[in-house]
Amino acid sequence: NLLELHLSHRIAEDFKYTPKQNTPRDI
């Protein structure tokens, strides 16, 4: 969910995330 992605981004020292075509719009 968006909160978990935000927490991941906020905490990860080297944040890497590649969205997919079916990734929700809010993300």
PDB file of all heavy atoms in Angstrom:
ATOM      1  N   ASN A   1       0.867  -1.178   0.000  1.00  0.00           N
ATOM      2  CA  ASN A   1       0.000   0.000   0.000  1.00  0.00           C
ATOM      3  C   ASN A   1       0.907   1.232   0.000  1.00  0.00           C
ATOM      4  O   ASN A   1       2.132   1.131   0.117  1.00  0.00           O
ATOM      5  CB  ASN A   1      -0.971  -0.009   1.185  1.00  0.00           C
ATOM      6  CG  ASN A   1      -0.273  -0.129   2.522  1.00  0.00           C
ATOM      7  OD1 ASN A   1       0.635   0.646   2.833  1.00  0.00           O
ATOM      8  ND2 ASN A   1      -0.676  -1.109   3.327  1.00  0.00           N
ATOM      9  N   LEU A   2       0.303   2.386  -0.135  1.00  0.00           N
ATOM     10  CA  LEU A   2       1.085   3.613  -0.258  1.00  0.00           C
ATOM     11  C   LEU A   2       1.869   3.942   1.009  1.00  0.00           C
ATOM     12  O   LEU A   2       3.001   4.404   0.940  1.00  0.00           O
ATOM     13  CB  LEU A   2       0.163   4.771  -0.628  1.00  0.00           C
ATOM     14  CG  LEU A   2       0.833   6.062  -1.043  1.00  0.00           C
ATOM     15  CD1 LEU A   2       1.794   5.854  -2.206  1.00  0.00           C
ATOM     16  CD2 LEU A   2      -0.197   7.095  -1.405  1.00  0.00           C
ATOM     17  N   LEU A   3       1.296   3.676   2.156  1.00  0.00           N
ATOM     18  CA  LEU A   3       2.002   3.950   3.411  1.00  0.00           C
ATOM     19  C   LEU A   3       3.269   3.108   3.512  1.00  0.00           C
ATOM     20  O   LEU A   3       4.323   3.618   3.891  1.00  0.00           O
ATOM     21  CB  LEU A   3       1.085   3.692   4.612  1.00  0.00           C
ATOM     22  CG  LEU A   3       1.707   3.925   5.989  1.00  0.00           C
ATOM     23  CD1 LEU A   3       2.189   5.366   6.144  1.00  0.00           C
ATOM     24  CD2 LEU A   3       0.714   3.572   7.083  1.00  0.00           C
ATOM     25  N   GLU A   4       3.197   1.829   3.159  1.00  0.00           N
ATOM     26  CA  GLU A   4       4.383   0.971   3.226  1.00  0.00           C
ATOM     27  C   GLU A   4       5.447   1.416   2.229  1.00  0.00           C
ATOM     28  O   GLU A   4       6.636   1.379   2.543  1.00  0.00           O
ATOM     29  CB  GLU A   4       4.007  -0.494   3.015  1.00  0.00           C
ATOM     30  CG  GLU A   4       3.305  -1.064   4.216  1.00  0.00           C
ATOM     31  CD  GLU A   4       3.144  -2.577   4.178  1.00  0.00           C
ATOM     32  OE1 GLU A   4       3.705  -3.238   3.278  1.00  0.00           O
ATOM     33  OE2 GLU A   4       2.458  -3.093   5.073  1.00  0.00           O
ATOM     34  N   LEU A   5       5.036   1.861   1.050  1.00  0.00           N
ATOM     35  CA  LEU A   5       6.018   2.362   0.089  1.00  0.00           C
ATOM     36  C   LEU A   5       6.680   3.635   0.626  1.00  0.00           C
ATOM     37  O   LEU A   5       7.890   3.807   0.525  1.00  0.00           O
ATOM     38  CB  LEU A   5       5.373   2.626  -1.269  1.00  0.00           C
ATOM     39  CG  LEU A   5       6.347   3.058  -2.348  1.00  0.00           C
ATOM     40  CD1 LEU A   5       7.267   1.894  -2.736  1.00  0.00           C
ATOM     41  CD2 LEU A   5       5.617   3.573  -3.565  1.00  0.00           C
ATOM     42  N   HIS A   6       5.887   4.496   1.228  1.00  0.00           N
ATOM     43  CA  HIS A   6       6.430   5.733   1.804  1.00  0.00           C
ATOM     44  C   HIS A   6       7.421   5.418   2.932  1.00  0.00           C
ATOM     45  O   HIS A   6       8.496   6.014   3.000  1.00  0.00           O
ATOM     46  CB  HIS A   6       5.302   6.621   2.326  1.00  0.00           C
ATOM     47  CG  HIS A   6       5.777   7.845   3.024  1.00  0.00           C
ATOM     48  ND1 HIS A   6       6.390   8.894   2.371  1.00  0.00           N
ATOM     49  CD2 HIS A   6       5.765   8.180   4.337  1.00  0.00           C
ATOM     50  CE1 HIS A   6       6.727   9.827   3.246  1.00  0.00           C
ATOM     51  NE2 HIS A   6       6.357   9.419   4.450  1.00  0.00           N
ATOM     52  N   LEU A   7       7.049   4.490   3.806  1.00  0.00           N
ATOM     53  CA  LEU A   7       7.965   4.090   4.883  1.00  0.00           C
ATOM     54  C   LEU A   7       9.251   3.503   4.298  1.00  0.00           C
ATOM     55  O   LEU A   7      10.341   3.802   4.782  1.00  0.00           O
ATOM     56  CB  LEU A   7       7.295   3.077   5.807  1.00  0.00           C
ATOM     57  CG  LEU A   7       6.204   3.616   6.723  1.00  0.00           C
ATOM     58  CD1 LEU A   7       5.465   2.476   7.403  1.00  0.00           C
ATOM     59  CD2 LEU A   7       6.790   4.571   7.751  1.00  0.00           C
ATOM     60  N   SER A   8       9.119   2.698   3.270  1.00  0.00           N
ATOM     61  CA  SER A   8      10.296   2.118   2.609  1.00  0.00           C
ATOM     62  C   SER A   8      11.195   3.218   2.069  1.00  0.00           C
ATOM     63  O   SER A   8      12.415   3.200   2.261  1.00  0.00           O
ATOM     64  CB  SER A   8       9.869   1.204   1.457  1.00  0.00           C
ATOM     65  OG  SER A   8       9.064   0.159   1.889  1.00  0.00           O
ATOM     66  N   HIS A   9      10.583   4.195   1.402  1.00  0.00           N
ATOM     67  CA  HIS A   9      11.347   5.299   0.816  1.00  0.00           C
ATOM     68  C   HIS A   9      12.000   6.150   1.897  1.00  0.00           C
ATOM     69  O   HIS A   9      13.155   6.554   1.784  1.00  0.00           O
ATOM     70  CB  HIS A   9      10.417   6.155  -0.052  1.00  0.00           C
ATOM     71  CG  HIS A   9      11.036   7.421  -0.520  1.00  0.00           C
ATOM     72  ND1 HIS A   9      10.441   8.630  -0.322  1.00  0.00           N
ATOM     73  CD2 HIS A   9      12.197   7.677  -1.166  1.00  0.00           C
ATOM     74  CE1 HIS A   9      11.211   9.582  -0.825  1.00  0.00           C
ATOM     75  NE2 HIS A   9      12.282   9.031  -1.339  1.00  0.00           N
ATOM     76  N   ARG A  10      11.263   6.388   2.947  1.00  0.00           N
ATOM     77  CA  ARG A  10      11.771   7.262   4.009  1.00  0.00           C
ATOM     78  C   ARG A  10      12.945   6.637   4.763  1.00  0.00           C
ATOM     79  O   ARG A  10      13.841   7.340   5.206  1.00  0.00           O
ATOM     80  CB  ARG A  10      10.634   7.566   4.979  1.00  0.00           C
ATOM     81  CG  ARG A  10      11.051   8.421   6.132  1.00  0.00           C
ATOM     82  CD  ARG A  10      10.121   9.523   6.447  1.00  0.00           C
ATOM     83  NE  ARG A  10      10.718  10.293   7.519  1.00  0.00           N
ATOM     84  CZ  ARG A  10      10.165  10.473   8.695  1.00  0.00           C
ATOM     85  NH1 ARG A  10       8.980   9.998   8.948  1.00  0.00           N
ATOM     86  NH2 ARG A  10      10.783  11.166   9.616  1.00  0.00           N
ATOM     87  N   ILE A  11      12.962   5.317   4.874  1.00  0.00           N
ATOM     88  CA  ILE A  11      13.951   4.658   5.718  1.00  0.00           C
ATOM     89  C   ILE A  11      15.128   4.093   4.926  1.00  0.00           C
ATOM     90  O   ILE A  11      16.255   4.103   5.403  1.00  0.00           O
ATOM     91  CB  ILE A  11      13.275   3.554   6.556  1.00  0.00           C
ATOM     92  CG1 ILE A  11      12.340   4.233   7.555  1.00  0.00           C
ATOM     93  CG2 ILE A  11      14.284   2.687   7.257  1.00  0.00           C
ATOM     94  CD1 ILE A  11      11.402   3.322   8.241  1.00  0.00           C
ATOM     95  N   ALA A  12      14.870   3.616   3.726  1.00  0.00           N
ATOM     96  CA  ALA A  12      15.929   2.965   2.946  1.00  0.00           C
ATOM     97  C   ALA A  12      17.065   3.935   2.644  1.00  0.00           C
ATOM     98  O   ALA A  12      16.843   5.070   2.241  1.00  0.00           O
ATOM     99  CB  ALA A  12      15.363   2.409   1.649  1.00  0.00           C
ATOM    100  N   GLU A  13      18.276   3.474   2.863  1.00  0.00           N
ATOM    101  CA  GLU A  13      19.444   4.301   2.563  1.00  0.00           C
ATOM    102  C   GLU A  13      19.636   4.437   1.059  1.00  0.00           C
ATOM    103  O   GLU A  13      20.065   5.466   0.567  1.00  0.00           O
ATOM    104  CB  GLU A  13      20.682   3.683   3.212  1.00  0.00           C
ATOM    105  CG  GLU A  13      20.628   3.725   4.722  1.00  0.00           C
ATOM    106  CD  GLU A  13      21.783   2.980   5.359  1.00  0.00           C
ATOM    107  OE1 GLU A  13      22.730   2.589   4.653  1.00  0.00           O
ATOM    108  OE2 GLU A  13      21.723   2.779   6.582  1.00  0.00           O
ATOM    109  N   ASP A  14      19.334   3.369   0.338  1.00  0.00           N
ATOM    110  CA  ASP A  14      19.473   3.370  -1.114  1.00  0.00           C
ATOM    111  C   ASP A  14      18.156   2.874  -1.706  1.00  0.00           C
ATOM    112  O   ASP A  14      18.053   1.736  -2.142  1.00  0.00           O
ATOM    113  CB  ASP A  14      20.646   2.464  -1.523  1.00  0.00           C
ATOM    114  CG  ASP A  14      20.949   2.545  -3.009  1.00  0.00           C
ATOM    115  OD1 ASP A  14      20.629   3.582  -3.611  1.00  0.00           O
ATOM    116  OD2 ASP A  14      21.474   1.556  -3.552  1.00  0.00           O
ATOM    117  N   PHE A  15      17.139   3.747  -1.711  1.00  0.00           N
ATOM    118  CA  PHE A  15      15.808   3.362  -2.140  1.00  0.00           C
ATOM    119  C   PHE A  15      15.768   3.130  -3.644  1.00  0.00           C
ATOM    120  O   PHE A  15      16.146   3.992  -4.427  1.00  0.00           O
ATOM    121  CB  PHE A  15      14.791   4.442  -1.765  1.00  0.00           C
ATOM    122  CG  PHE A  15      13.385   4.122  -2.178  1.00  0.00           C
ATOM    123  CD1 PHE A  15      12.628   3.227  -1.448  1.00  0.00           C
ATOM    124  CD2 PHE A  15      12.818   4.721  -3.293  1.00  0.00           C
ATOM    125  CE1 PHE A  15      11.326   2.928  -1.806  1.00  0.00           C
ATOM    126  CE2 PHE A  15      11.516   4.433  -3.663  1.00  0.00           C
ATOM    127  CZ  PHE A  15      10.772   3.533  -2.922  1.00  0.00           C
ATOM    128  N   LYS A  16      15.316   1.951  -4.018  1.00  0.00           N
ATOM    129  CA  LYS A  16      15.142   1.618  -5.426  1.00  0.00           C
ATOM    130  C   LYS A  16      13.796   0.921  -5.565  1.00  0.00           C
ATOM    131  O   LYS A  16      13.517  -0.057  -4.887  1.00  0.00           O
ATOM    132  CB  LYS A  16      16.251   0.689  -5.904  1.00  0.00           C
ATOM    133  CG  LYS A  16      17.602   1.360  -6.037  1.00  0.00           C
ATOM    134  CD  LYS A  16      18.590   0.403  -6.681  1.00  0.00           C
ATOM    135  CE  LYS A  16      19.967   0.866  -6.867  1.00  0.00           C
ATOM    136  NZ  LYS A  16      20.488   2.068  -6.596  1.00  0.00           N
ATOM    137  N   TYR A  17      12.984   1.463  -6.468  1.00  0.00           N
ATOM    138  CA  TYR A  17      11.683   0.870  -6.731  1.00  0.00           C
ATOM    139  C   TYR A  17      11.347   1.106  -8.199  1.00  0.00           C
ATOM    140  O   TYR A  17      11.435   2.227  -8.693  1.00  0.00           O
ATOM    141  CB  TYR A  17      10.599   1.501  -5.847  1.00  0.00           C
ATOM    142  CG  TYR A  17       9.218   0.972  -6.143  1.00  0.00           C
ATOM    143  CD1 TYR A  17       8.830  -0.279  -5.679  1.00  0.00           C
ATOM    144  CD2 TYR A  17       8.317   1.701  -6.903  1.00  0.00           C
ATOM    145  CE1 TYR A  17       7.567  -0.786  -5.948  1.00  0.00           C
ATOM    146  CE2 TYR A  17       7.059   1.208  -7.179  1.00  0.00           C
ATOM    147  CZ  TYR A  17       6.687  -0.039  -6.702  1.00  0.00           C
ATOM    148  OH  TYR A  17       5.445  -0.533  -6.994  1.00  0.00           O
ATOM    149  N   THR A  18      10.991   0.041  -8.872  1.00  0.00           N
ATOM    150  CA  THR A  18      10.601   0.139 -10.267  1.00  0.00           C
ATOM    151  C   THR A  18       9.126  -0.223 -10.385  1.00  0.00           C
ATOM    152  O   THR A  18       8.753  -1.377 -10.160  1.00  0.00           O
ATOM    153  CB  THR A  18      11.440  -0.823 -11.144  1.00  0.00           C
ATOM    154  OG1 THR A  18      12.820  -0.553 -10.917  1.00  0.00           O
ATOM    155  CG2 THR A  18      11.096  -0.649 -12.610  1.00  0.00           C
ATOM    156  N   PRO A  19       8.301   0.771 -10.710  1.00  0.00           N
ATOM    157  CA  PRO A  19       6.872   0.475 -10.835  1.00  0.00           C
ATOM    158  C   PRO A  19       6.597  -0.370 -12.078  1.00  0.00           C
ATOM    159  O   PRO A  19       7.354  -0.342 -13.046  1.00  0.00           O
ATOM    160  CB  PRO A  19       6.232   1.860 -10.962  1.00  0.00           C
ATOM    161  CG  PRO A  19       7.313   2.741 -11.464  1.00  0.00           C
ATOM    162  CD  PRO A  19       8.609   2.170 -10.965  1.00  0.00           C
ATOM    163  N   LYS A  20       5.507  -1.100 -12.010  1.00  0.00           N
ATOM    164  CA  LYS A  20       5.074  -1.915 -13.135  1.00  0.00           C
ATOM    165  C   LYS A  20       3.885  -1.228 -13.799  1.00  0.00           C
ATOM    166  O   LYS A  20       3.354  -0.255 -13.276  1.00  0.00           O
ATOM    167  CB  LYS A  20       4.694  -3.308 -12.643  1.00  0.00           C
ATOM    168  CG  LYS A  20       5.847  -4.044 -11.969  1.00  0.00           C
ATOM    169  CD  LYS A  20       5.353  -5.328 -11.313  1.00  0.00           C
ATOM    170  CE  LYS A  20       6.470  -6.028 -10.592  1.00  0.00           C
ATOM    171  NZ  LYS A  20       6.803  -5.472  -9.304  1.00  0.00           N
ATOM    172  N   GLN A  21       3.473  -1.747 -14.910  1.00  0.00           N
ATOM    173  CA  GLN A  21       2.353  -1.139 -15.615  1.00  0.00           C
ATOM    174  C   GLN A  21       1.065  -1.194 -14.797  1.00  0.00           C
ATOM    175  O   GLN A  21       0.242  -0.298 -14.873  1.00  0.00           O
ATOM    176  CB  GLN A  21       2.144  -1.819 -16.960  1.00  0.00           C
ATOM    177  CG  GLN A  21       1.255  -1.027 -17.877  1.00  0.00           C
ATOM    178  CD  GLN A  21       1.440  -1.418 -19.316  1.00  0.00           C
ATOM    179  OE1 GLN A  21       2.272  -2.245 -19.641  1.00  0.00           O
ATOM    180  NE2 GLN A  21       0.658  -0.811 -20.185  1.00  0.00           N
ATOM    181  N   ASN A  22       0.904  -2.220 -13.973  1.00  0.00           N
ATOM    182  CA  ASN A  22      -0.306  -2.342 -13.166  1.00  0.00           C
ATOM    183  C   ASN A  22      -0.169  -1.722 -11.773  1.00  0.00           C
ATOM    184  O   ASN A  22      -1.016  -1.922 -10.919  1.00  0.00           O
ATOM    185  CB  ASN A  22      -0.730  -3.807 -13.050  1.00  0.00           C
ATOM    186  CG  ASN A  22       0.299  -4.658 -12.327  1.00  0.00           C
ATOM    187  OD1 ASN A  22       1.446  -4.262 -12.161  1.00  0.00           O
ATOM    188  ND2 ASN A  22      -0.108  -5.846 -11.925  1.00  0.00           N
ATOM    189  N   THR A  23       0.882  -0.968 -11.535  1.00  0.00           N
ATOM    190  CA  THR A  23       1.073  -0.270 -10.258  1.00  0.00           C
ATOM    191  C   THR A  23      -0.047   0.763 -10.093  1.00  0.00           C
ATOM    192  O   THR A  23      -0.349   1.495 -11.036  1.00  0.00           O
ATOM    193  CB  THR A  23       2.458   0.422 -10.228  1.00  0.00           C
ATOM    194  OG1 THR A  23       3.462  -0.573 -10.358  1.00  0.00           O
ATOM    195  CG2 THR A  23       2.666   1.203  -8.954  1.00  0.00           C
ATOM    196  N   PRO A  24      -0.656   0.833  -8.911  1.00  0.00           N
ATOM    197  CA  PRO A  24      -1.759   1.786  -8.692  1.00  0.00           C
ATOM    198  C   PRO A  24      -1.362   3.233  -8.966  1.00  0.00           C
ATOM    199  O   PRO A  24      -0.202   3.635  -8.779  1.00  0.00           O
ATOM    200  CB  PRO A  24      -2.111   1.587  -7.213  1.00  0.00           C
ATOM    201  CG  PRO A  24      -1.648   0.213  -6.889  1.00  0.00           C
ATOM    202  CD  PRO A  24      -0.429  -0.013  -7.733  1.00  0.00           C
ATOM    203  N   ARG A  25      -2.341   4.007  -9.392  1.00  0.00           N
ATOM    204  CA  ARG A  25      -2.109   5.412  -9.752  1.00  0.00           C
ATOM    205  C   ARG A  25      -1.505   6.234  -8.616  1.00  0.00           C
ATOM    206  O   ARG A  25      -0.667   7.097  -8.835  1.00  0.00           O
ATOM    207  CB  ARG A  25      -3.419   6.072 -10.157  1.00  0.00           C
ATOM    208  CG  ARG A  25      -3.870   5.759 -11.528  1.00  0.00           C
ATOM    209  CD  ARG A  25      -5.106   6.543 -11.799  1.00  0.00           C
ATOM    210  NE  ARG A  25      -4.851   7.355 -12.972  1.00  0.00           N
ATOM    211  CZ  ARG A  25      -5.804   7.866 -13.704  1.00  0.00           C
ATOM    212  NH1 ARG A  25      -7.043   7.686 -13.369  1.00  0.00           N
ATOM    213  NH2 ARG A  25      -5.500   8.581 -14.763  1.00  0.00           N
ATOM    214  N   ASP A  26      -1.991   5.997  -7.384  1.00  0.00           N
ATOM    215  CA  ASP A  26      -1.482   6.774  -6.256  1.00  0.00           C
ATOM    216  C   ASP A  26       0.014   6.537  -6.039  1.00  0.00           C
ATOM    217  O   ASP A  26       0.738   7.448  -5.640  1.00  0.00           O
ATOM    218  CB  ASP A  26      -2.257   6.459  -4.975  1.00  0.00           C
ATOM    219  CG  ASP A  26      -3.621   7.120  -4.951  1.00  0.00           C
ATOM    220  OD1 ASP A  26      -3.853   8.049  -5.741  1.00  0.00           O
ATOM    221  OD2 ASP A  26      -4.453   6.702  -4.125  1.00  0.00           O
ATOM    222  N   ILE A  27       0.473   5.336  -6.304  1.00  0.00           N
ATOM    223  CA  ILE A  27       1.906   5.054  -6.175  1.00  0.00           C
ATOM    224  C   ILE A  27       2.672   5.791  -7.267  1.00  0.00           C
ATOM    225  O   ILE A  27       3.733   6.371  -7.002  1.00  0.00           O
ATOM    226  CB  ILE A  27       2.177   3.536  -6.167  1.00  0.00           C
ATOM    227  CG1 ILE A  27       1.667   2.942  -4.844  1.00  0.00           C
ATOM    228  CG2 ILE A  27       3.664   3.243  -6.364  1.00  0.00           C
ATOM    229  CD1 ILE A  27       1.848   1.450  -4.685  1.00  0.00           C
TER     230      ILE A  27
END
